[in-house]
Protein backbone atom coordinates (compact mmCIF):
# COMPACT_ATOMS: atom_id res chain seq x y z
CA MET A 1 2.55 31.19 -16.87
CA MET A 2 5.35 29.02 -18.27
CA ASN A 3 7.46 32.06 -18.89
CA LYS A 4 7.18 33.10 -15.26
CA ILE A 5 8.10 29.60 -14.15
CA ARG A 6 11.03 29.47 -16.53
CA ASN A 7 12.31 32.77 -15.16
CA TYR A 8 11.90 31.68 -11.57
CA ILE A 9 13.82 28.48 -12.17
CA LYS A 10 16.65 30.34 -13.88
CA GLU A 11 16.88 33.17 -11.33
CA ASN A 12 16.82 30.78 -8.36
CA GLN A 13 19.08 28.22 -10.07
CA LEU A 14 16.73 25.34 -9.37
CA ASN A 15 18.04 21.97 -10.41
CA LEU A 16 14.81 20.79 -12.13
CA TYR A 17 14.66 18.39 -15.05
CA GLN A 18 11.12 18.77 -16.51
CA ILE A 19 7.95 20.61 -15.63
CA ALA A 20 4.50 20.09 -17.15
CA ILE A 21 1.25 22.01 -16.91
CA GLN A 22 -2.18 20.70 -17.86
CA ASP A 23 -5.28 22.78 -18.11
CA GLY A 24 -8.23 23.30 -20.46
CA ASN A 25 -5.78 24.08 -23.27
CA GLY A 26 -3.94 20.79 -23.01
CA ILE A 27 -0.41 19.87 -21.75
CA ARG A 28 2.63 22.08 -22.02
CA CYS A 29 6.00 20.57 -21.00
CA GLU A 30 9.31 22.28 -20.49
CA ARG A 31 12.65 20.47 -20.35
CA CYS A 32 14.68 22.62 -17.95
CA GLN A 33 18.03 21.03 -18.79
CA PRO A 34 19.42 17.90 -20.51
CA CYS A 35 17.93 14.93 -18.72
CA ASN A 36 16.42 11.51 -19.13
CA ASP A 37 12.90 11.37 -20.52
CA CYS A 38 11.71 9.21 -17.58
CA ASN A 39 12.78 10.06 -14.08
CA ASN A 40 12.20 8.70 -10.61
CA ILE A 41 9.20 10.31 -8.99
CA TYR A 42 10.00 8.78 -5.60
CA SER A 43 7.09 9.04 -3.13
CA VAL A 44 4.73 10.62 -5.69
CA ALA A 45 4.28 6.91 -6.64
CA LYS A 46 2.16 6.55 -3.52
CA VAL A 47 -0.79 8.51 -5.03
CA PHE A 48 -0.73 6.20 -8.06
CA LEU A 49 -0.99 3.19 -5.76
CA ASN A 50 -3.70 4.89 -3.67
CA THR A 51 -5.63 5.52 -6.94
CA ALA A 52 -5.36 1.84 -7.76
CA ILE A 53 -6.77 1.02 -4.34
CA GLY A 54 -9.64 3.42 -5.11
CA VAL A 55 -10.32 1.55 -8.36
CA LEU A 56 -10.63 -1.70 -6.35
CA ILE A 57 -12.93 -0.02 -3.83
CA ASP A 58 -15.07 1.39 -6.62
CA GLU A 59 -15.35 -2.16 -8.05
CA LYS A 60 -16.37 -3.38 -4.54
CA LYS A 61 -13.39 -5.76 -4.40
CA LEU A 62 -11.97 -4.04 -1.31
CA LYS A 63 -13.20 -1.85 1.57
CA LEU A 64 -11.36 0.66 3.71
CA ASP A 65 -12.11 -1.27 6.88
CA ASP A 66 -10.80 -4.59 5.47
CA THR A 67 -7.92 -5.90 7.50
CA ILE A 68 -4.74 -6.42 5.43
CA LEU A 69 -3.25 -9.63 6.85
CA PRO A 70 -5.89 -12.08 5.42
CA PHE A 71 -4.82 -10.99 1.89
CA LEU A 72 -1.15 -11.58 2.71
CA GLN A 73 -1.37 -15.11 4.08
CA PRO A 74 -0.10 -16.70 0.82
CA TYR A 75 3.20 -14.84 1.39
CA ILE A 76 3.57 -15.67 5.05
CA ASP A 77 5.43 -18.71 6.40
CA PHE A 78 6.70 -17.06 9.55
CA SER A 79 5.29 -15.86 12.88
CA TYR A 80 4.26 -12.26 13.56
CA ALA A 81 2.69 -10.23 16.37
CA ASP A 82 -1.10 -10.56 16.70
CA VAL A 83 -1.53 -6.76 16.56
CA TRP A 84 -0.87 -6.87 12.78
CA ASN A 85 -4.18 -8.76 12.41
CA ASN A 86 -6.03 -5.53 13.22
CA VAL A 87 -4.31 -3.28 10.66
CA THR A 88 -6.75 -2.09 7.98
CA VAL A 89 -6.46 -0.67 4.49
CA GLN A 90 -7.33 2.73 5.93
CA HIS A 91 -4.59 2.52 8.51
CA ALA A 92 -2.03 1.83 5.77
CA LEU A 93 -3.30 4.54 3.43
CA SER A 94 -3.24 7.16 6.17
CA HIS A 95 0.19 6.13 7.60
CA ARG A 96 -1.61 5.36 10.93
CA MET A 97 -0.58 1.74 11.43
CA GLY A 98 1.07 2.62 14.72
CA VAL A 99 4.57 1.75 13.58
CA ASP A 100 7.60 3.74 14.65
CA GLU A 101 11.18 2.43 14.54
CA GLY A 102 12.16 -0.34 12.28
CA VAL A 103 10.13 0.89 9.30
CA ILE A 104 11.59 0.68 5.86
CA ASP A 105 12.70 3.61 3.78
CA ILE A 106 13.27 2.13 0.34
CA ASP A 107 15.01 5.17 -1.13
CA ARG A 108 17.47 5.68 1.73
CA ASP A 109 18.05 2.14 3.12
CA ASP A 110 20.70 -0.28 2.11
CA ILE A 111 18.43 -3.29 1.83
CA ARG A 112 21.41 -5.59 2.29
CA THR A 113 21.28 -4.63 5.93
CA TYR A 114 17.73 -6.06 6.34
CA GLY A 115 19.10 -9.57 6.78
CA THR A 116 16.43 -10.95 4.47
CA ASP A 117 15.21 -10.60 0.91
CA ASN A 118 11.64 -10.74 2.24
CA HIS A 119 10.45 -7.14 2.79
CA LEU A 120 7.15 -8.41 4.19
CA LYS A 121 8.93 -10.37 6.93
CA TYR A 122 11.18 -7.47 7.67
CA ILE A 123 8.10 -5.18 8.16
CA LEU A 124 6.09 -7.64 10.24
CA ASP A 125 9.12 -8.19 12.53
CA TYR A 126 8.46 -4.61 13.81
CA PRO A 127 4.89 -4.62 15.17
CA PRO A 128 2.90 -1.38 15.77
CA LYS A 129 3.87 0.25 19.05
CA PHE A 130 0.92 2.73 19.25
CA ARG A 131 -2.81 2.41 19.16
CA LEU A 132 -3.93 1.80 15.57
CA GLY A 133 -5.22 4.96 13.97
CA SER A 134 -3.86 7.28 16.71
CA TYR A 135 -0.27 7.79 15.65
CA ARG A 136 0.89 8.93 12.24
CA LYS A 137 4.29 7.88 11.01
CA TYR A 138 5.11 8.50 7.35
CA THR A 139 6.75 5.39 5.96
CA ASP A 140 6.94 3.12 2.96
CA CYS A 141 5.61 0.09 4.92
CA GLY A 142 1.87 0.58 4.38
CA HIS A 143 2.21 0.99 0.63
CA TYR A 144 4.34 -2.10 0.24
CA LEU A 145 1.65 -4.03 2.15
CA LEU A 146 -1.07 -2.47 -0.06
CA SER A 147 0.93 -3.49 -3.12
CA LEU A 148 0.63 -7.10 -2.04
CA VAL A 149 -3.09 -6.69 -1.40
CA ILE A 150 -3.52 -5.50 -4.95
CA GLU A 151 -1.50 -8.41 -6.19
CA GLN A 152 -3.64 -10.92 -4.36
CA ILE A 153 -6.93 -9.39 -5.46
CA THR A 154 -6.04 -8.91 -9.14
CA GLY A 155 -3.66 -11.80 -9.68
CA MET A 156 -0.97 -9.53 -11.13
CA PRO A 157 1.80 -7.39 -9.73
CA ALA A 158 0.51 -4.01 -8.53
CA ASP A 159 2.42 -2.07 -11.19
CA ASP A 160 0.74 -4.14 -13.92
CA PHE A 161 -2.66 -3.40 -12.46
CA ILE A 162 -1.78 0.31 -12.16
CA ARG A 163 -0.70 0.26 -15.80
CA GLU A 164 -3.87 -1.45 -17.08
CA SER A 165 -6.43 0.33 -14.90
CA ILE A 166 -4.94 3.81 -14.80
CA LEU A 167 -1.85 4.59 -16.90
CA CYS A 168 -3.07 3.17 -20.18
CA ARG A 169 -6.37 4.97 -19.75
CA LEU A 170 -4.49 8.24 -19.13
CA ASP A 171 -2.52 7.66 -22.38
CA PHE A 172 0.84 7.37 -20.67
CA GLN A 173 3.98 6.65 -22.58
CA HIS A 174 6.69 4.37 -21.07
CA THR A 175 6.95 3.86 -17.32
CA ALA A 176 8.93 1.56 -15.11
CA TRP A 177 8.30 0.51 -11.52
CA THR A 178 10.70 -0.80 -8.91
CA ARG A 179 10.20 -4.31 -7.56
CA CYS A 180 11.61 -5.89 -4.45
CA PRO A 181 14.03 -8.89 -4.46
CA LEU A 182 11.03 -11.22 -4.44
CA ASN A 183 9.55 -9.45 -7.49
CA HIS A 184 6.68 -7.64 -5.76
CA THR A 185 5.99 -4.03 -6.66
CA VAL A 186 7.42 -1.69 -4.03
CA GLY A 187 4.44 0.65 -4.56
CA ALA A 188 5.64 3.35 -2.18
CA THR A 189 8.33 4.74 -4.47
CA GLY A 190 10.48 4.01 -7.46
CA ALA A 191 8.21 4.83 -10.39
CA TYR A 192 9.86 6.26 -13.43
CA MET A 193 7.93 8.43 -15.97
CA ARG A 194 7.75 11.69 -17.84
CA ALA A 195 6.44 14.85 -16.26
CA ALA A 196 4.09 15.19 -19.20
CA ASP A 197 2.50 11.95 -18.08
CA MET A 198 2.63 12.42 -14.29
CA VAL A 199 0.69 15.68 -14.71
CA LYS A 200 -2.26 13.68 -16.10
CA LEU A 201 -3.03 12.05 -12.71
CA GLY A 202 -3.55 15.49 -11.15
CA TRP A 203 -5.68 16.46 -14.09
CA MET A 204 -7.82 13.41 -13.55
CA TYR A 205 -8.35 14.53 -9.91
CA VAL A 206 -9.18 18.00 -11.12
CA ASN A 207 -11.94 16.42 -13.17
CA ASN A 208 -13.29 14.24 -10.34
CA GLY A 209 -11.96 10.91 -11.66
CA LYS A 210 -12.49 11.50 -15.38
CA TYR A 211 -9.96 11.92 -18.16
CA ASP A 212 -11.01 12.77 -21.68
CA ASP A 213 -14.53 11.48 -20.86
CA LYS A 214 -13.18 8.22 -19.56
CA HIS A 215 -14.42 7.34 -16.03
CA ILE A 216 -11.31 6.04 -14.27
CA LEU A 217 -12.24 6.69 -10.67
CA SER A 218 -15.35 7.65 -8.75
CA GLU A 219 -15.77 11.29 -7.66
CA GLY A 220 -16.29 9.93 -4.15
CA TRP A 221 -12.82 8.43 -4.04
CA THR A 222 -11.13 11.56 -5.41
CA ARG A 223 -12.73 13.58 -2.61
CA GLN A 224 -11.93 10.92 0.03
CA MET A 225 -8.26 10.94 -1.00
CA GLU A 226 -8.21 14.64 -0.20
CA LYS A 227 -10.39 14.54 2.89
CA GLU A 228 -8.54 11.68 4.53
CA LYS A 229 -5.12 12.96 3.38
CA PHE A 230 -4.32 9.70 1.57
CA ASP A 231 -1.06 11.26 0.46
CA PHE A 232 -2.70 14.28 -1.20
CA TYR A 233 -2.24 17.20 1.23
CA PRO A 234 -3.94 20.60 1.07
CA VAL A 235 -1.75 23.63 0.45
CA LYS A 236 -2.57 26.04 3.26
CA GLY A 237 -4.50 29.13 2.17
CA SER A 238 -5.27 27.87 -1.30
CA SER A 239 -7.43 25.45 -3.26
CA PHE A 240 -4.39 23.30 -4.22
CA PHE A 241 -3.47 19.80 -3.15
CA ARG A 242 0.05 18.41 -3.43
CA LYS A 243 2.13 15.25 -3.21
CA GLY A 244 5.91 15.61 -3.05
CA GLY A 245 8.69 13.14 -3.41
CA MET A 246 12.28 13.03 -2.29
CA ASN A 247 14.72 15.35 -3.99
CA GLY A 248 12.12 17.77 -5.19
CA GLN A 249 9.48 15.85 -7.15
CA MET A 250 5.97 17.33 -7.11
CA LEU A 251 2.47 16.85 -8.29
CA LEU A 252 0.26 19.89 -7.58
CA TYR A 253 -3.34 20.51 -8.70
CA SER A 254 -6.36 22.70 -8.05
CA ARG A 255 -9.91 21.79 -9.06
CA GLU A 256 -10.96 25.42 -8.48
CA LYS A 257 -8.17 26.77 -10.64
CA ASN A 258 -8.64 23.96 -13.24
CA ILE A 259 -4.95 23.16 -13.43
CA SER A 260 -2.39 20.39 -12.72
CA ILE A 261 1.35 20.87 -12.50
CA ALA A 262 4.10 18.27 -12.21
CA TRP A 263 7.87 18.56 -12.06
CA MET A 264 10.98 16.42 -11.51
CA GLY A 265 14.47 17.29 -10.47
CA PHE A 266 17.08 16.93 -7.74
CA GLU A 267 16.68 19.88 -5.39
CA ASP A 268 16.55 20.91 -1.71
CA ASP A 269 13.08 20.52 -0.06
CA LYS A 270 13.06 24.12 1.20
CA LYS A 271 13.70 25.51 -2.28
CA ILE A 272 10.98 23.26 -3.75
CA GLN A 273 8.52 24.44 -1.08
CA GLN A 274 9.29 28.09 -2.01
CA PHE A 275 8.88 27.22 -5.69
CA ALA A 276 5.51 25.58 -5.03
CA ASP A 277 4.40 28.62 -3.02
CA PHE A 278 5.45 30.86 -5.89
CA ILE A 279 3.40 28.83 -8.40
CA VAL A 280 0.29 28.76 -6.17
CA GLY A 281 0.58 32.47 -5.71
CA GLN A 282 0.77 33.13 -9.43
CA ILE A 283 -2.30 31.13 -10.41
């Protein structure tokens, strides 16, 4: 399989850095060109944060229908629209908070234009315009809010909790996570890691929340992530689920095919979609 992938990358001149495959035979990783060991996975970071939310739900420290704002009160010394009081964890996970314009895009924005170092205040200054749960708008907002929820429940920044509860148990090597000017984990993007480690999260989902006989997450949450499309999306006409990130990052897995695949690079979205379709068709 890796030979076919290598040939496709070369023939189509894809600007990929690393690609890793994990199956019943272990992990195989290919460095496609000289690159840093750890690279930005952009929005693939969201499924790591969603997994951490799942850990808290499994531990009965959080529920999907919990409203978010009560957790955030220690950070709030400003006024905000009442509608925010009805936004739940589920709304944030599913990108259905009803927000439209004014949402943050951490990877594309110049945060100096926000007029404040307080990302929470910036978000809450733009209240939901649509009925909660009825309108989907993909944004970084919800995951920043959920990062603060994790911080309040656990007493540690969300990236520290992700490291302790997930990454260390998946035997990750070094990672780094972006924090905002007030030192809160961004959560929605900005995680740096190796493809050979990123692929392990997909493998854990292949195995219904287990990794090397370690129970990290309940099977119920792994299935709910897929059913509710909490940033894992089904690949049409296949058994695969995927989560992409800006500039061509990808985590792709299939429970039926018993395989997880991850790659990093800097490439056009259309070319990456074609590459993903090629891989799915080959397995």
